Structure formats: C-alpha cells, structure tokens
Amino acid sequence: MTLTISKPKKVLLVGDGAVGSSFAFALQQMGVADELVIADLKEDHAKGDVLDLEDISAFTKRTKVRYGQYSDAKDADVVVITAGVPRKPGETRLDLVNKNVSILKSIVEPVVQSGFAGTFVVSSNPVDILTTMTQKLSGFPKNRVIGTGTSLDTARLLVELSQKFEVSIDEINAYVLGEHGDSEFVAYDEATINGIALKQVANDQKISSTDLSAIEEDVRKKGSSIIGLKGATFYGVATCLANITKAILTNQSIVLPISAPYRDSDLYIGNPAVINGNGIANVIDMPLSDTEQTQMQKSVETMQTILNDIK
C-alpha cells in the first residue's frame, strides 16, 4: 500500500493593512491553510501581526503563519493582494487607479518571477481594474485571476433585503452586478425570495419600487458611509476574500459575484461565477432584462474607458 502525502496548502498575503490582517484572521479561524505567509513593506508591523495571529493556532491547530517575501509565492496555491492606497473620505474607488496600478506592478512581476503557478485573488481598489491589470501583467490564464468584485456589495444587499422583508438572508437570491463602484446595479428582475420573484413579494408587502431603489442606493453608498465614520472598511471584504480562498484550497465549488472576465473581452467585472480549485470554473452569464443589460453595458464601458487611460 502506497501512502499518498498531499502537498501542504499555502497562501501568500501581500499587504497587511486593515483588510489584509482581517483576512488573515478570518483564514486562520477557518483552518483550511497549512501555511500563511505575510509580506508587507512595513516589516515590523507585519512581524507583529504574525506574532499576534500565531496565537490562534492554539485553537485551530492548523495554520502556520510567518513573515515572508514575494519569493515565497513560488510554491503557494494562492496569492492574495490587498496592498494599495486606501480610499479617503470623498474619494471614489476610481480615484485610486494610477496610484494602485503602480503598486500592483511592483507586486505582480516578482511574484510571477518566483515561479508562482497558483491563483491570484485581488481586493485592492478599484478592484475590477486591478484584477484586469493583474491578469494582463502576469499573463496568467483568466481563470487563475480573481477579484472580489461585487461580492461585498451583494452581501450588503442581502443584509438590507433581509431587514426590509423580515426574512432570513438564506431565503434571498439576489446579486449586485457590474463595477464595484458607482455604476453597479441590483439585478432585481431576477431576484427571488424563497423561490418567488422578489418584485412580486415586494408588491404583496406594499414595498414600492422607490423603496427598492433606496436600498440599492444605500448599498452603493455604504462603503463611503463606513469610511466617513471609522476611516476604512475591512471586515466584509476580508470575509469575501477568505471564502474565495477557502473554495480554491478545498476545491469546494461556490457561486459568488466576483470580478470575472466579461464574455469574450479582457475586462473583469462583477458577475456571478463558480469558484473552485481551478480558480474560476465557470462564469454565469445571467439572462438580464433589457434595462439591466443596458446598466451592465454602461458599467463595462465605464471600466473600459478607465483602462484605456491608464498610464
């Protein structure tokens, strides 16, 4: 009888700010990685975080965490990129484009040179642009580059709808699509609650289209609201990152609206996709209504214009 020893599951985290450290904490608690390596230009901060995070292993008994470099990507399964300049009050995600593209270039090149052959997962903003650029800079197959996309926005939507309709989040099937930003939209025409069209349930409960539009606007502005109150958002997106990473490491297929390749283009944008050990296993082309297809096209054109202007 031959004993098969599986390869240890390894994650390299690049960027140990609020999002990165929250991701590391969430991943540690999941206990799905054998090794988590943290790389950050602020070496002392990252090493301090390692010392703090390794205490969790007393409870999870799984993940070894240590400080490292981009070269540690050589045998990693996943490289998670959260590094970048954070959004300030009053800024849009698109205001960060050129600053964060420059930072991205300094990360992707040495990671690829290390011999990395896993999957990139990106959350730095503007996430659709930076995910597109990660694929372009790395030359990786499109399925092995993923952005968090509208997974966070969709989580916010589900919370809002759950409160408005007074049902469990598990009973709702609804997505935010398009840009993770100002041109995003809620696909209400396809949304359901317990398998019944959401708009029909809304009509039965006297919830108006104005109410639904207000929820959409609240979801769109929630990030700015959080930044205005506490300076940054991190728990939600970190949990999205951890779930994506878990799906890759465990080859457990899940559906999330992520930054995924849009049809035959090179552009990544928020769309539902199946994620597993292969990265993006399948992008789901939702049958949108005419109005929603127009909104998606507007979002795509907005992103493409930004991409064309990148220096």
Protein backbone atom coordinates (compact mmCIF):
# COMPACT_ATOMS: atom_id res chain seq x y z
CA MET A 1 0.00 0.00 0.00
CA THR A 2 1.42 3.38 -1.05
CA LEU A 3 0.92 6.29 1.32
CA THR A 4 -0.03 9.47 -0.56
CA ILE A 5 1.12 12.68 1.10
CA SER A 6 -0.78 15.72 -0.08
CA LYS A 7 1.00 18.98 -0.73
CA PRO A 8 0.61 21.49 2.11
CA LYS A 9 -1.85 24.27 1.25
CA LYS A 10 -0.04 27.61 1.22
CA VAL A 11 -1.26 31.21 0.92
CA LEU A 12 0.85 34.33 0.43
CA LEU A 13 -0.80 37.54 1.58
CA VAL A 14 0.61 40.73 0.09
CA GLY A 15 -0.49 43.74 2.11
CA ASP A 16 -1.03 43.65 5.87
CA GLY A 17 -3.23 46.69 6.35
CA ALA A 18 -6.73 46.58 7.81
CA VAL A 19 -8.11 44.36 5.03
CA GLY A 20 -5.07 42.08 4.92
CA SER A 21 -4.89 41.48 8.65
CA SER A 22 -8.66 40.92 8.85
CA PHE A 23 -8.36 38.38 6.02
CA ALA A 24 -5.51 36.63 7.82
CA PHE A 25 -7.60 36.45 11.00
CA ALA A 26 -10.61 35.03 9.12
CA LEU A 27 -8.48 32.49 7.25
CA GLN A 28 -6.78 31.37 10.47
CA GLN A 29 -10.15 30.66 12.05
CA MET A 30 -11.28 28.64 9.03
CA GLY A 31 -8.26 26.38 9.42
CA VAL A 32 -8.08 25.49 5.71
CA ALA A 33 -4.48 26.60 5.02
CA ASP A 34 -1.38 24.79 6.27
CA GLU A 35 0.78 27.87 5.87
CA LEU A 36 0.07 31.60 5.65
CA VAL A 37 2.93 33.88 4.69
CA ILE A 38 2.53 37.65 5.11
CA ALA A 39 4.57 40.12 3.04
CA ASP A 40 4.40 43.87 3.62
CA LEU A 41 6.73 46.83 3.18
CA LYS A 42 6.11 47.69 6.85
CA GLU A 43 8.14 44.77 8.08
CA ASP A 44 7.83 45.41 11.83
CA HIS A 45 4.04 45.75 11.61
CA ALA A 46 3.74 42.51 9.63
CA LYS A 47 6.03 40.64 12.02
CA GLY A 48 3.96 41.91 14.92
CA ASP A 49 0.81 40.69 13.21
CA VAL A 50 2.42 37.28 12.72
CA LEU A 51 3.13 37.03 16.44
CA ASP A 52 -0.45 38.05 17.19
CA LEU A 53 -2.02 35.73 14.62
CA GLU A 54 0.00 32.66 15.54
CA ASP A 55 -1.76 32.58 18.91
CA ILE A 56 -4.91 31.48 17.02
CA SER A 57 -3.18 28.22 16.13
CA ALA A 58 -3.65 27.14 19.74
CA PHE A 59 -7.36 26.94 18.91
CA THR A 60 -7.40 25.96 15.22
CA LYS A 61 -4.33 23.69 15.34
CA ARG A 62 -3.80 24.04 11.60
CA THR A 63 -2.20 27.09 10.05
CA LYS A 64 1.43 28.05 10.49
CA VAL A 65 1.83 31.81 9.99
CA ARG A 66 5.10 33.62 9.30
CA TYR A 67 6.57 36.75 7.74
CA GLY A 68 7.98 36.39 4.23
CA GLN A 69 8.76 37.90 0.84
CA TYR A 70 7.32 37.81 -2.69
CA SER A 71 9.69 34.91 -3.42
CA ASP A 72 7.58 32.78 -1.04
CA ALA A 73 4.96 32.66 -3.79
CA LYS A 74 6.97 30.01 -5.65
CA ASP A 75 5.08 27.11 -4.06
CA ALA A 76 1.93 28.92 -2.94
CA ASP A 77 -1.54 27.87 -4.02
CA VAL A 78 -2.99 31.37 -3.69
CA VAL A 79 -1.54 34.88 -3.66
CA VAL A 80 -3.95 37.37 -2.09
CA ILE A 81 -3.29 41.02 -2.92
CA THR A 82 -4.73 43.65 -0.58
CA ALA A 83 -1.85 46.13 -0.87
CA GLY A 84 -2.60 49.62 -2.10
CA VAL A 85 -3.54 53.14 -1.13
CA PRO A 86 -6.84 53.10 0.77
CA ARG A 87 -9.78 55.26 -0.22
CA LYS A 88 -10.17 58.51 1.73
CA PRO A 89 -13.44 60.24 2.63
CA GLY A 90 -14.83 61.89 -0.52
CA GLU A 91 -12.76 59.76 -2.91
CA THR A 92 -14.22 57.26 -5.34
CA ARG A 93 -12.59 53.89 -5.94
CA LEU A 94 -11.65 55.06 -9.43
CA ASP A 95 -9.67 57.99 -7.97
CA LEU A 96 -7.12 55.40 -6.85
CA VAL A 97 -6.41 53.97 -10.28
CA ASN A 98 -2.94 55.16 -11.24
CA LYS A 99 -1.54 55.08 -7.70
CA ASN A 100 -2.59 51.50 -7.13
CA VAL A 101 -1.74 50.25 -10.63
CA SER A 102 1.83 51.39 -9.95
CA ILE A 103 1.88 49.45 -6.66
CA LEU A 104 0.34 46.42 -8.38
CA LYS A 105 3.11 46.32 -11.00
CA SER A 106 5.73 46.18 -8.23
CA ILE A 107 3.99 43.12 -6.76
CA VAL A 108 2.90 41.01 -9.72
CA GLU A 109 6.27 40.96 -11.52
CA PRO A 110 8.35 39.47 -8.65
CA VAL A 111 5.55 37.07 -7.72
CA VAL A 112 5.48 35.68 -11.26
CA GLN A 113 9.29 35.58 -11.38
CA SER A 114 9.28 33.42 -8.24
CA GLY A 115 7.68 30.63 -10.26
CA PHE A 116 4.21 31.08 -8.79
CA ALA A 117 1.71 28.78 -10.53
CA GLY A 118 -1.38 29.20 -8.39
CA THR A 119 -4.28 31.66 -8.39
CA PHE A 120 -4.22 35.41 -7.81
CA VAL A 121 -7.03 36.85 -5.68
CA VAL A 122 -7.27 40.65 -5.67
CA SER A 123 -9.20 43.03 -3.42
CA SER A 124 -7.29 46.31 -3.85
CA ASN A 125 -9.39 49.11 -5.34
CA PRO A 126 -10.57 49.80 -7.95
CA VAL A 127 -10.85 46.02 -7.86
CA ASP A 128 -12.22 45.42 -11.38
CA ILE A 129 -9.43 47.49 -12.94
CA LEU A 130 -6.69 45.99 -10.78
CA THR A 131 -7.91 42.44 -11.39
CA THR A 132 -7.86 43.10 -15.14
CA MET A 133 -4.35 44.54 -14.82
CA THR A 134 -3.17 41.58 -12.71
CA GLN A 135 -4.15 39.19 -15.49
CA LYS A 136 -2.53 41.42 -18.11
CA LEU A 137 0.71 41.89 -16.16
CA SER A 138 1.01 38.25 -15.11
CA GLY A 139 -0.03 36.66 -18.40
CA PHE A 140 -1.89 34.05 -16.34
CA PRO A 141 -4.92 32.20 -17.73
CA LYS A 142 -8.05 34.22 -16.97
CA ASN A 143 -9.47 31.55 -14.70
CA ARG A 144 -6.49 31.90 -12.36
CA VAL A 145 -7.04 35.59 -11.63
CA ILE A 146 -9.99 36.58 -9.43
CA GLY A 147 -11.17 39.85 -7.91
CA THR A 148 -13.62 40.25 -5.04
CA GLY A 149 -15.88 42.19 -7.43
CA THR A 150 -19.41 42.80 -6.17
CA SER A 151 -19.34 40.00 -3.57
CA LEU A 152 -19.16 42.61 -0.80
CA ASP A 153 -21.89 44.74 -2.37
CA THR A 154 -24.08 41.64 -2.68
CA ALA A 155 -23.50 40.82 0.99
CA ARG A 156 -24.62 44.35 1.85
CA LEU A 157 -27.67 43.95 -0.37
CA LEU A 158 -28.69 40.69 1.30
CA VAL A 159 -28.46 42.34 4.73
CA GLU A 160 -30.65 45.25 3.59
CA LEU A 161 -33.23 42.99 1.94
CA SER A 162 -33.32 40.66 4.93
CA GLN A 163 -34.14 43.58 7.20
CA LYS A 164 -36.69 45.12 4.83
CA PHE A 165 -38.59 41.89 4.06
CA GLU A 166 -38.03 40.41 7.54
CA VAL A 167 -36.72 37.10 6.23
CA SER A 168 -33.50 35.13 6.67
CA ILE A 169 -30.63 36.00 4.35
CA ASP A 170 -30.60 32.33 3.31
CA GLU A 171 -34.06 32.78 1.76
CA ILE A 172 -32.89 35.52 -0.62
CA ASN A 173 -31.27 35.05 -4.02
CA ALA A 174 -30.14 38.42 -5.37
CA TYR A 175 -26.98 39.95 -6.83
CA VAL A 176 -25.27 43.29 -7.28
CA LEU A 177 -23.58 43.27 -10.70
CA GLY A 178 -21.18 45.42 -12.71
CA GLU A 179 -18.49 47.69 -11.31
CA HIS A 180 -17.65 47.52 -7.62
CA GLY A 181 -18.44 51.23 -7.50
CA ASP A 182 -20.77 53.94 -8.68
CA SER A 183 -22.08 52.20 -11.82
CA GLU A 184 -23.03 48.96 -10.05
CA PHE A 185 -26.69 47.89 -10.03
CA VAL A 186 -29.01 45.39 -8.36
CA ALA A 187 -30.46 42.72 -10.65
CA TYR A 188 -33.94 42.98 -9.10
CA ASP A 189 -35.70 41.49 -12.13
CA GLU A 190 -34.04 38.11 -11.49
CA ALA A 191 -34.03 38.23 -7.66
CA THR A 192 -36.15 35.82 -5.62
CA ILE A 193 -37.26 35.27 -2.03
CA ASN A 194 -38.00 31.63 -1.23
CA GLY A 195 -38.13 30.97 -4.97
CA ILE A 196 -40.77 33.66 -5.59
CA ALA A 197 -39.92 36.74 -7.65
CA LEU A 198 -38.72 39.45 -5.28
CA LYS A 199 -40.77 42.10 -7.06
CA GLN A 200 -43.91 40.01 -6.56
CA VAL A 201 -43.16 39.62 -2.85
CA ALA A 202 -42.49 43.36 -2.66
CA ASN A 203 -45.82 44.11 -4.29
CA ASP A 204 -47.63 41.78 -1.86
CA GLN A 205 -45.96 43.50 1.10
CA LYS A 206 -46.56 47.02 -0.24
CA ILE A 207 -42.83 47.61 -0.70
CA SER A 208 -42.56 50.10 -3.55
CA SER A 209 -40.06 50.44 -6.38
CA THR A 210 -38.94 53.62 -4.62
CA ASP A 211 -38.15 51.54 -1.53
CA LEU A 212 -36.12 49.11 -3.64
CA SER A 213 -34.25 51.97 -5.32
CA ALA A 214 -33.43 53.39 -1.89
CA ILE A 215 -31.98 50.03 -0.83
CA GLU A 216 -29.86 49.96 -3.99
CA GLU A 217 -28.56 53.45 -3.24
CA ASP A 218 -27.83 52.56 0.39
CA VAL A 219 -25.82 49.54 -0.77
CA ARG A 220 -23.90 51.68 -3.27
CA LYS A 221 -23.04 54.27 -0.61
CA LYS A 222 -22.45 52.00 2.38
CA GLY A 223 -18.70 51.83 1.85
CA SER A 224 -18.45 55.62 1.84
CA SER A 225 -20.61 55.78 4.96
CA ILE A 226 -18.34 53.37 6.82
CA ILE A 227 -15.21 55.23 5.69
CA GLY A 228 -16.74 58.51 6.88
CA LEU A 229 -17.44 57.03 10.30
CA LYS A 230 -14.37 54.88 11.02
CA GLY A 231 -11.88 55.58 8.21
CA ALA A 232 -11.94 52.24 6.37
CA THR A 233 -13.98 49.14 5.55
CA PHE A 234 -12.39 45.74 6.07
CA TYR A 235 -14.38 43.00 7.83
CA GLY A 236 -16.82 42.36 4.98
CA VAL A 237 -14.31 42.29 2.13
CA ALA A 238 -11.87 40.26 4.23
CA THR A 239 -14.55 37.62 4.75
CA CYS A 240 -15.26 37.58 0.99
CA LEU A 241 -11.54 37.05 0.40
CA ALA A 242 -11.40 34.24 2.95
CA ASN A 243 -14.37 32.45 1.38
CA ILE A 244 -12.86 32.71 -2.11
CA THR A 245 -9.53 31.40 -0.81
CA LYS A 246 -11.23 28.54 1.06
CA ALA A 247 -13.07 27.48 -2.11
CA ILE A 248 -9.78 27.34 -4.01
CA LEU A 249 -7.86 25.47 -1.30
CA THR A 250 -10.60 22.92 -0.64
CA ASN A 251 -11.85 22.64 -4.25
CA GLN A 252 -15.32 23.35 -2.91
CA SER A 253 -17.46 24.90 -5.65
CA ILE A 254 -19.27 28.06 -4.56
CA VAL A 255 -21.07 30.78 -6.52
CA LEU A 256 -20.15 34.40 -5.84
CA PRO A 257 -20.42 37.64 -7.85
CA ILE A 258 -16.72 38.31 -8.36
CA SER A 259 -14.55 40.30 -10.75
CA ALA A 260 -14.61 37.80 -13.60
CA PRO A 261 -13.86 38.05 -17.34
CA TYR A 262 -16.80 39.66 -19.11
CA ARG A 263 -17.84 37.46 -22.04
CA ASP A 264 -15.11 37.47 -24.71
CA SER A 265 -13.35 40.62 -23.50
CA ASP A 266 -10.22 41.01 -21.38
CA LEU A 267 -12.15 43.14 -18.89
CA TYR A 268 -13.03 41.80 -15.44
CA ILE A 269 -16.28 42.99 -13.86
CA GLY A 270 -18.76 41.89 -11.19
CA ASN A 271 -20.62 38.80 -12.40
CA PRO A 272 -21.66 35.52 -10.73
CA ALA A 273 -19.12 32.74 -11.20
CA VAL A 274 -18.35 29.27 -9.89
CA ILE A 275 -15.09 29.19 -7.90
CA ASN A 276 -13.20 26.00 -7.03
CA GLY A 277 -9.69 24.57 -7.06
CA ASN A 278 -9.22 25.70 -10.66
CA GLY A 279 -9.97 29.31 -9.76
CA ILE A 280 -12.88 30.48 -11.89
CA ALA A 281 -14.52 27.26 -13.07
CA ASN A 282 -17.35 28.96 -14.90
CA VAL A 283 -18.71 32.49 -15.39
CA ILE A 284 -22.51 32.55 -15.22
CA ASP A 285 -23.99 34.77 -17.92
CA MET A 286 -27.23 35.79 -16.24
CA PRO A 287 -30.25 36.38 -18.53
CA LEU A 288 -30.71 40.06 -17.64
CA SER A 289 -33.70 42.18 -18.58
CA ASP A 290 -33.20 44.83 -21.27
CA THR A 291 -32.92 47.57 -18.64
CA GLU A 292 -30.34 45.63 -16.64
CA GLN A 293 -28.36 44.70 -19.72
CA THR A 294 -28.14 48.42 -20.52
CA GLN A 295 -26.88 49.04 -16.97
CA MET A 296 -24.28 46.28 -17.32
CA GLN A 297 -23.10 47.70 -20.62
CA LYS A 298 -22.78 51.16 -19.08
CA SER A 299 -20.67 49.69 -16.27
CA VAL A 300 -18.48 47.82 -18.76
CA GLU A 301 -17.96 50.98 -20.82
CA THR A 302 -17.05 52.96 -17.69
CA MET A 303 -14.38 50.40 -16.77
CA GLN A 304 -13.06 50.19 -20.32
CA THR A 305 -12.65 53.98 -20.50
CA ILE A 306 -10.60 53.92 -17.29
CA LEU A 307 -8.45 51.06 -18.58
CA ASN A 308 -7.75 52.93 -21.81
CA ASP A 309 -6.48 55.92 -19.81
CA ILE A 310 -4.10 54.02 -17.53
CA LYS A 311 -0.57 55.35 -17.88
